[in-house]
Amino acid sequence: ITYVEMMPIILPIIDRDGISQTISMVV
């Protein structure tokens, strides 16, 4: 079994008022 780690993914969550939060994930 081998694991391939991706670069971090940073994603803004946008609602009516603009960016409400930012999500960071490593997959």
PDB file of all heavy atoms in Angstrom:
ATOM      1  N   ILE A   1       0.855  -1.180   0.000  1.00  0.00           N
ATOM      2  CA  ILE A   1       0.000   0.000   0.000  1.00  0.00           C
ATOM      3  C   ILE A   1       0.890   1.227   0.000  1.00  0.00           C
ATOM      4  O   ILE A   1       1.836   1.319   0.759  1.00  0.00           O
ATOM      5  CB  ILE A   1      -0.930   0.016   1.230  1.00  0.00           C
ATOM      6  CG1 ILE A   1      -1.867  -1.184   1.177  1.00  0.00           C
ATOM      7  CG2 ILE A   1      -1.720   1.303   1.278  1.00  0.00           C
ATOM      8  CD1 ILE A   1      -2.742  -1.321   2.400  1.00  0.00           C
ATOM      9  N   THR A   2       0.580   2.158  -0.872  1.00  0.00           N
ATOM     10  CA  THR A   2       1.353   3.385  -0.993  1.00  0.00           C
ATOM     11  C   THR A   2       0.412   4.572  -0.863  1.00  0.00           C
ATOM     12  O   THR A   2      -0.734   4.500  -1.291  1.00  0.00           O
ATOM     13  CB  THR A   2       2.056   3.433  -2.365  1.00  0.00           C
ATOM     14  OG1 THR A   2       2.840   2.247  -2.518  1.00  0.00           O
ATOM     15  CG2 THR A   2       2.953   4.639  -2.489  1.00  0.00           C
ATOM     16  N   TYR A   3       0.903   5.641  -0.253  1.00  0.00           N
ATOM     17  CA  TYR A   3       0.127   6.862  -0.106  1.00  0.00           C
ATOM     18  C   TYR A   3       0.818   7.987  -0.863  1.00  0.00           C
ATOM     19  O   TYR A   3       2.017   8.163  -0.756  1.00  0.00           O
ATOM     20  CB  TYR A   3      -0.012   7.248   1.371  1.00  0.00           C
ATOM     21  CG  TYR A   3      -0.763   6.217   2.168  1.00  0.00           C
ATOM     22  CD1 TYR A   3      -0.083   5.206   2.836  1.00  0.00           C
ATOM     23  CD2 TYR A   3      -2.144   6.246   2.230  1.00  0.00           C
ATOM     24  CE1 TYR A   3      -0.765   4.247   3.547  1.00  0.00           C
ATOM     25  CE2 TYR A   3      -2.830   5.290   2.957  1.00  0.00           C
ATOM     26  CZ  TYR A   3      -2.143   4.286   3.600  1.00  0.00           C
ATOM     27  OH  TYR A   3      -2.827   3.332   4.303  1.00  0.00           O
ATOM     28  N   VAL A   4       0.026   8.725  -1.634  1.00  0.00           N
ATOM     29  CA  VAL A   4       0.531   9.877  -2.366  1.00  0.00           C
ATOM     30  C   VAL A   4      -0.101  11.105  -1.729  1.00  0.00           C
ATOM     31  O   VAL A   4      -1.311  11.296  -1.801  1.00  0.00           O
ATOM     32  CB  VAL A   4       0.168   9.797  -3.859  1.00  0.00           C
ATOM     33  CG1 VAL A   4       0.698  11.015  -4.597  1.00  0.00           C
ATOM     34  CG2 VAL A   4       0.695   8.510  -4.470  1.00  0.00           C
ATOM     35  N   GLU A   5       0.732  11.938  -1.092  1.00  0.00           N
ATOM     36  CA  GLU A   5       0.225  13.132  -0.418  1.00  0.00           C
ATOM     37  C   GLU A   5       0.207  14.300  -1.388  1.00  0.00           C
ATOM     38  O   GLU A   5       1.175  14.575  -2.083  1.00  0.00           O
ATOM     39  CB  GLU A   5       1.081  13.477   0.795  1.00  0.00           C
ATOM     40  CG  GLU A   5       0.508  14.612   1.616  1.00  0.00           C
ATOM     41  CD  GLU A   5       1.264  14.841   2.903  1.00  0.00           C
ATOM     42  OE1 GLU A   5       1.490  13.861   3.645  1.00  0.00           O
ATOM     43  OE2 GLU A   5       1.628  15.997   3.159  1.00  0.00           O
ATOM     44  N   MET A   6      -0.915  14.980  -1.423  1.00  0.00           N
ATOM     45  CA  MET A   6      -1.069  16.146  -2.280  1.00  0.00           C
ATOM     46  C   MET A   6      -0.623  17.391  -1.536  1.00  0.00           C
ATOM     47  O   MET A   6      -0.496  17.389  -0.322  1.00  0.00           O
ATOM     48  CB  MET A   6      -2.530  16.295  -2.703  1.00  0.00           C
ATOM     49  CG  MET A   6      -3.052  15.123  -3.504  1.00  0.00           C
ATOM     50  SD  MET A   6      -4.775  15.339  -3.980  1.00  0.00           S
ATOM     51  CE  MET A   6      -4.633  16.707  -5.128  1.00  0.00           C
ATOM     52  N   MET A   7      -0.429  18.467  -2.286  1.00  0.00           N
ATOM     53  CA  MET A   7      -0.138  19.766  -1.685  1.00  0.00           C
ATOM     54  C   MET A   7      -1.401  20.241  -0.963  1.00  0.00           C
ATOM     55  O   MET A   7      -2.503  19.846  -1.337  1.00  0.00           O
ATOM     56  CB  MET A   7       0.247  20.775  -2.766  1.00  0.00           C
ATOM     57  CG  MET A   7       1.531  20.439  -3.501  1.00  0.00           C
ATOM     58  SD  MET A   7       2.975  20.479  -2.449  1.00  0.00           S
ATOM     59  CE  MET A   7       3.090  22.213  -2.098  1.00  0.00           C
ATOM     60  N   PRO A   8      -1.264  21.088   0.048  1.00  0.00           N
ATOM     61  CA  PRO A   8      -2.456  21.588   0.747  1.00  0.00           C
ATOM     62  C   PRO A   8      -3.399  22.329  -0.202  1.00  0.00           C
ATOM     63  O   PRO A   8      -2.966  23.024  -1.121  1.00  0.00           O
ATOM     64  CB  PRO A   8      -1.881  22.557   1.780  1.00  0.00           C
ATOM     65  CG  PRO A   8      -0.466  22.128   1.955  1.00  0.00           C
ATOM     66  CD  PRO A   8      -0.033  21.581   0.635  1.00  0.00           C
ATOM     67  N   ILE A   9      -4.687  22.131   0.016  1.00  0.00           N
ATOM     68  CA  ILE A   9      -5.721  22.807  -0.757  1.00  0.00           C
ATOM     69  C   ILE A   9      -6.367  23.836   0.165  1.00  0.00           C
ATOM     70  O   ILE A   9      -6.830  23.495   1.255  1.00  0.00           O
ATOM     71  CB  ILE A   9      -6.770  21.801  -1.271  1.00  0.00           C
ATOM     72  CG1 ILE A   9      -6.099  20.806  -2.221  1.00  0.00           C
ATOM     73  CG2 ILE A   9      -7.932  22.521  -1.943  1.00  0.00           C
ATOM     74  CD1 ILE A   9      -6.983  19.644  -2.631  1.00  0.00           C
ATOM     75  N   ILE A  10      -6.382  25.088  -0.273  1.00  0.00           N
ATOM     76  CA  ILE A  10      -6.967  26.165   0.526  1.00  0.00           C
ATOM     77  C   ILE A  10      -8.160  26.704  -0.247  1.00  0.00           C
ATOM     78  O   ILE A  10      -8.030  27.074  -1.418  1.00  0.00           O
ATOM     79  CB  ILE A  10      -5.937  27.272   0.806  1.00  0.00           C
ATOM     80  CG1 ILE A  10      -4.769  26.660   1.585  1.00  0.00           C
ATOM     81  CG2 ILE A  10      -6.578  28.416   1.574  1.00  0.00           C
ATOM     82  CD1 ILE A  10      -3.585  27.565   1.741  1.00  0.00           C
ATOM     83  N   LEU A  11      -9.301  26.725   0.415  1.00  0.00           N
ATOM     84  CA  LEU A  11     -10.548  27.046  -0.260  1.00  0.00           C
ATOM     85  C   LEU A  11     -11.356  28.062   0.545  1.00  0.00           C
ATOM     86  O   LEU A  11     -11.679  27.817   1.701  1.00  0.00           O
ATOM     87  CB  LEU A  11     -11.345  25.747  -0.410  1.00  0.00           C
ATOM     88  CG  LEU A  11     -12.637  25.765  -1.167  1.00  0.00           C
ATOM     89  CD1 LEU A  11     -12.372  26.003  -2.638  1.00  0.00           C
ATOM     90  CD2 LEU A  11     -13.316  24.415  -1.006  1.00  0.00           C
ATOM     91  N   PRO A  12     -11.685  29.212  -0.050  1.00  0.00           N
ATOM     92  CA  PRO A  12     -12.528  30.177   0.661  1.00  0.00           C
ATOM     93  C   PRO A  12     -14.005  29.786   0.541  1.00  0.00           C
ATOM     94  O   PRO A  12     -14.439  29.304  -0.494  1.00  0.00           O
ATOM     95  CB  PRO A  12     -12.261  31.489  -0.073  1.00  0.00           C
ATOM     96  CG  PRO A  12     -11.920  31.067  -1.458  1.00  0.00           C
ATOM     97  CD  PRO A  12     -11.228  29.738  -1.324  1.00  0.00           C
ATOM     98  N   ILE A  13     -14.751  29.971   1.610  1.00  0.00           N
ATOM     99  CA  ILE A  13     -16.192  29.763   1.584  1.00  0.00           C
ATOM    100  C   ILE A  13     -16.832  31.146   1.504  1.00  0.00           C
ATOM    101  O   ILE A  13     -16.651  31.979   2.390  1.00  0.00           O
ATOM    102  CB  ILE A  13     -16.679  29.021   2.849  1.00  0.00           C
ATOM    103  CG1 ILE A  13     -15.928  27.709   3.024  1.00  0.00           C
ATOM    104  CG2 ILE A  13     -18.179  28.810   2.800  1.00  0.00           C
ATOM    105  CD1 ILE A  13     -16.081  26.735   1.891  1.00  0.00           C
ATOM    106  N   ILE A  14     -17.563  31.379   0.428  1.00  0.00           N
ATOM    107  CA  ILE A  14     -18.120  32.702   0.173  1.00  0.00           C
ATOM    108  C   ILE A  14     -19.635  32.660   0.351  1.00  0.00           C
ATOM    109  O   ILE A  14     -20.305  31.765  -0.179  1.00  0.00           O
ATOM    110  CB  ILE A  14     -17.762  33.176  -1.251  1.00  0.00           C
ATOM    111  CG1 ILE A  14     -16.245  33.216  -1.390  1.00  0.00           C
ATOM    112  CG2 ILE A  14     -18.386  34.525  -1.549  1.00  0.00           C
ATOM    113  CD1 ILE A  14     -15.746  33.442  -2.786  1.00  0.00           C
ATOM    114  N   ASP A  15     -20.159  33.627   1.094  1.00  0.00           N
ATOM    115  CA  ASP A  15     -21.607  33.771   1.231  1.00  0.00           C
ATOM    116  C   ASP A  15     -22.002  35.182   0.804  1.00  0.00           C
ATOM    117  O   ASP A  15     -21.213  35.880   0.160  1.00  0.00           O
ATOM    118  CB  ASP A  15     -22.071  33.442   2.653  1.00  0.00           C
ATOM    119  CG  ASP A  15     -21.453  34.342   3.697  1.00  0.00           C
ATOM    120  OD1 ASP A  15     -20.864  35.371   3.339  1.00  0.00           O
ATOM    121  OD2 ASP A  15     -21.579  34.018   4.896  1.00  0.00           O
ATOM    122  N   ARG A  16     -23.192  35.612   1.163  1.00  0.00           N
ATOM    123  CA  ARG A  16     -23.673  36.945   0.756  1.00  0.00           C
ATOM    124  C   ARG A  16     -22.784  38.073   1.250  1.00  0.00           C
ATOM    125  O   ARG A  16     -22.678  39.115   0.631  1.00  0.00           O
ATOM    126  CB  ARG A  16     -25.095  37.173   1.286  1.00  0.00           C
ATOM    127  CG  ARG A  16     -26.136  36.387   0.514  1.00  0.00           C
ATOM    128  CD  ARG A  16     -27.513  36.635   1.081  1.00  0.00           C
ATOM    129  NE  ARG A  16     -27.802  35.492   1.940  1.00  0.00           N
ATOM    130  CZ  ARG A  16     -28.346  35.545   3.137  1.00  0.00           C
ATOM    131  NH1 ARG A  16     -28.709  36.688   3.648  1.00  0.00           N
ATOM    132  NH2 ARG A  16     -28.555  34.454   3.832  1.00  0.00           N
ATOM    133  N   ASP A  17     -22.154  37.896   2.393  1.00  0.00           N
ATOM    134  CA  ASP A  17     -21.349  38.943   3.012  1.00  0.00           C
ATOM    135  C   ASP A  17     -19.870  38.884   2.623  1.00  0.00           C
ATOM    136  O   ASP A  17     -19.060  39.618   3.159  1.00  0.00           O
ATOM    137  CB  ASP A  17     -21.471  38.864   4.535  1.00  0.00           C
ATOM    138  CG  ASP A  17     -22.917  39.006   4.987  1.00  0.00           C
ATOM    139  OD1 ASP A  17     -23.666  39.763   4.335  1.00  0.00           O
ATOM    140  OD2 ASP A  17     -23.292  38.348   5.974  1.00  0.00           O
ATOM    141  N   GLY A  18     -19.500  37.980   1.748  1.00  0.00           N
ATOM    142  CA  GLY A  18     -18.098  37.824   1.364  1.00  0.00           C
ATOM    143  C   GLY A  18     -17.541  36.498   1.877  1.00  0.00           C
ATOM    144  O   GLY A  18     -18.274  35.518   2.008  1.00  0.00           O
ATOM    145  N   ILE A  19     -16.266  36.479   2.185  1.00  0.00           N
ATOM    146  CA  ILE A  19     -15.632  35.249   2.673  1.00  0.00           C
ATOM    147  C   ILE A  19     -16.022  35.030   4.130  1.00  0.00           C
ATOM    148  O   ILE A  19     -15.674  35.830   5.000  1.00  0.00           O
ATOM    149  CB  ILE A  19     -14.100  35.321   2.530  1.00  0.00           C
ATOM    150  CG1 ILE A  19     -13.718  35.424   1.054  1.00  0.00           C
ATOM    151  CG2 ILE A  19     -13.444  34.095   3.158  1.00  0.00           C
ATOM    152  CD1 ILE A  19     -12.240  35.588   0.805  1.00  0.00           C
ATOM    153  N   SER A  20     -16.758  33.955   4.380  1.00  0.00           N
ATOM    154  CA  SER A  20     -17.191  33.659   5.749  1.00  0.00           C
ATOM    155  C   SER A  20     -16.161  32.814   6.491  1.00  0.00           C
ATOM    156  O   SER A  20     -16.023  32.915   7.704  1.00  0.00           O
ATOM    157  CB  SER A  20     -18.540  32.948   5.748  1.00  0.00           C
ATOM    158  OG  SER A  20     -18.458  31.711   5.077  1.00  0.00           O
ATOM    159  N   GLN A  21     -15.466  31.942   5.775  1.00  0.00           N
ATOM    160  CA  GLN A  21     -14.408  31.133   6.383  1.00  0.00           C
ATOM    161  C   GLN A  21     -13.494  30.587   5.299  1.00  0.00           C
ATOM    162  O   GLN A  21     -13.816  30.629   4.118  1.00  0.00           O
ATOM    163  CB  GLN A  21     -14.984  30.019   7.249  1.00  0.00           C
ATOM    164  CG  GLN A  21     -15.927  29.052   6.573  1.00  0.00           C
ATOM    165  CD  GLN A  21     -16.441  28.013   7.544  1.00  0.00           C
ATOM    166  OE1 GLN A  21     -15.657  27.292   8.153  1.00  0.00           O
ATOM    167  NE2 GLN A  21     -17.745  27.935   7.700  1.00  0.00           N
ATOM    168  N   THR A  22     -12.348  30.086   5.731  1.00  0.00           N
ATOM    169  CA  THR A  22     -11.377  29.482   4.826  1.00  0.00           C
ATOM    170  C   THR A  22     -11.129  28.058   5.300  1.00  0.00           C
ATOM    171  O   THR A  22     -10.967  27.814   6.499  1.00  0.00           O
ATOM    172  CB  THR A  22     -10.053  30.270   4.840  1.00  0.00           C
ATOM    173  OG1 THR A  22     -10.337  31.625   4.503  1.00  0.00           O
ATOM    174  CG2 THR A  22      -9.068  29.706   3.849  1.00  0.00           C
ATOM    175  N   ILE A  23     -11.099  27.149   4.353  1.00  0.00           N
ATOM    176  CA  ILE A  23     -10.870  25.738   4.671  1.00  0.00           C
ATOM    177  C   ILE A  23      -9.531  25.318   4.083  1.00  0.00           C
ATOM    178  O   ILE A  23      -9.239  25.603   2.920  1.00  0.00           O
ATOM    179  CB  ILE A  23     -11.998  24.865   4.111  1.00  0.00           C
ATOM    180  CG1 ILE A  23     -13.299  25.250   4.798  1.00  0.00           C
ATOM    181  CG2 ILE A  23     -11.693  23.390   4.288  1.00  0.00           C
ATOM    182  CD1 ILE A  23     -14.514  24.597   4.244  1.00  0.00           C
ATOM    183  N   SER A  24      -8.727  24.661   4.895  1.00  0.00           N
ATOM    184  CA  SER A  24      -7.447  24.104   4.450  1.00  0.00           C
ATOM    185  C   SER A  24      -7.522  22.594   4.629  1.00  0.00           C
ATOM    186  O   SER A  24      -7.950  22.118   5.680  1.00  0.00           O
ATOM    187  CB  SER A  24      -6.297  24.640   5.294  1.00  0.00           C
ATOM    188  OG  SER A  24      -6.287  26.037   5.284  1.00  0.00           O
ATOM    189  N   MET A  25      -7.089  21.868   3.613  1.00  0.00           N
ATOM    190  CA  MET A  25      -7.068  20.414   3.755  1.00  0.00           C
ATOM    191  C   MET A  25      -5.874  19.820   3.027  1.00  0.00           C
ATOM    192  O   MET A  25      -5.429  20.350   2.016  1.00  0.00           O
ATOM    193  CB  MET A  25      -8.383  19.787   3.281  1.00  0.00           C
ATOM    194  CG  MET A  25      -8.726  19.966   1.856  1.00  0.00           C
ATOM    195  SD  MET A  25     -10.335  19.172   1.557  1.00  0.00           S
ATOM    196  CE  MET A  25     -10.583  19.653  -0.128  1.00  0.00           C
ATOM    197  N   VAL A  26      -5.372  18.754   3.604  1.00  0.00           N
ATOM    198  CA  VAL A  26      -4.303  17.981   2.985  1.00  0.00           C
ATOM    199  C   VAL A  26      -4.866  16.594   2.748  1.00  0.00           C
ATOM    200  O   VAL A  26      -5.363  15.949   3.675  1.00  0.00           O
ATOM    201  CB  VAL A  26      -3.048  17.915   3.877  1.00  0.00           C
ATOM    202  CG1 VAL A  26      -1.987  17.028   3.229  1.00  0.00           C
ATOM    203  CG2 VAL A  26      -2.497  19.305   4.123  1.00  0.00           C
ATOM    204  N   VAL A  27      -4.809  16.164   1.508  1.00  0.00           N
ATOM    205  CA  VAL A  27      -5.388  14.890   1.095  1.00  0.00           C
ATOM    206  C   VAL A  27      -4.273  13.951   0.675  1.00  0.00           C
ATOM    207  O   VAL A  27      -3.315  14.359   0.010  1.00  0.00           O
ATOM    208  CB  VAL A  27      -6.362  15.110  -0.091  1.00  0.00           C
ATOM    209  CG1 VAL A  27      -6.927  13.800  -0.592  1.00  0.00           C
ATOM    210  CG2 VAL A  27      -7.475  16.057   0.306  1.00  0.00           C
TER     211      VAL A  27
END
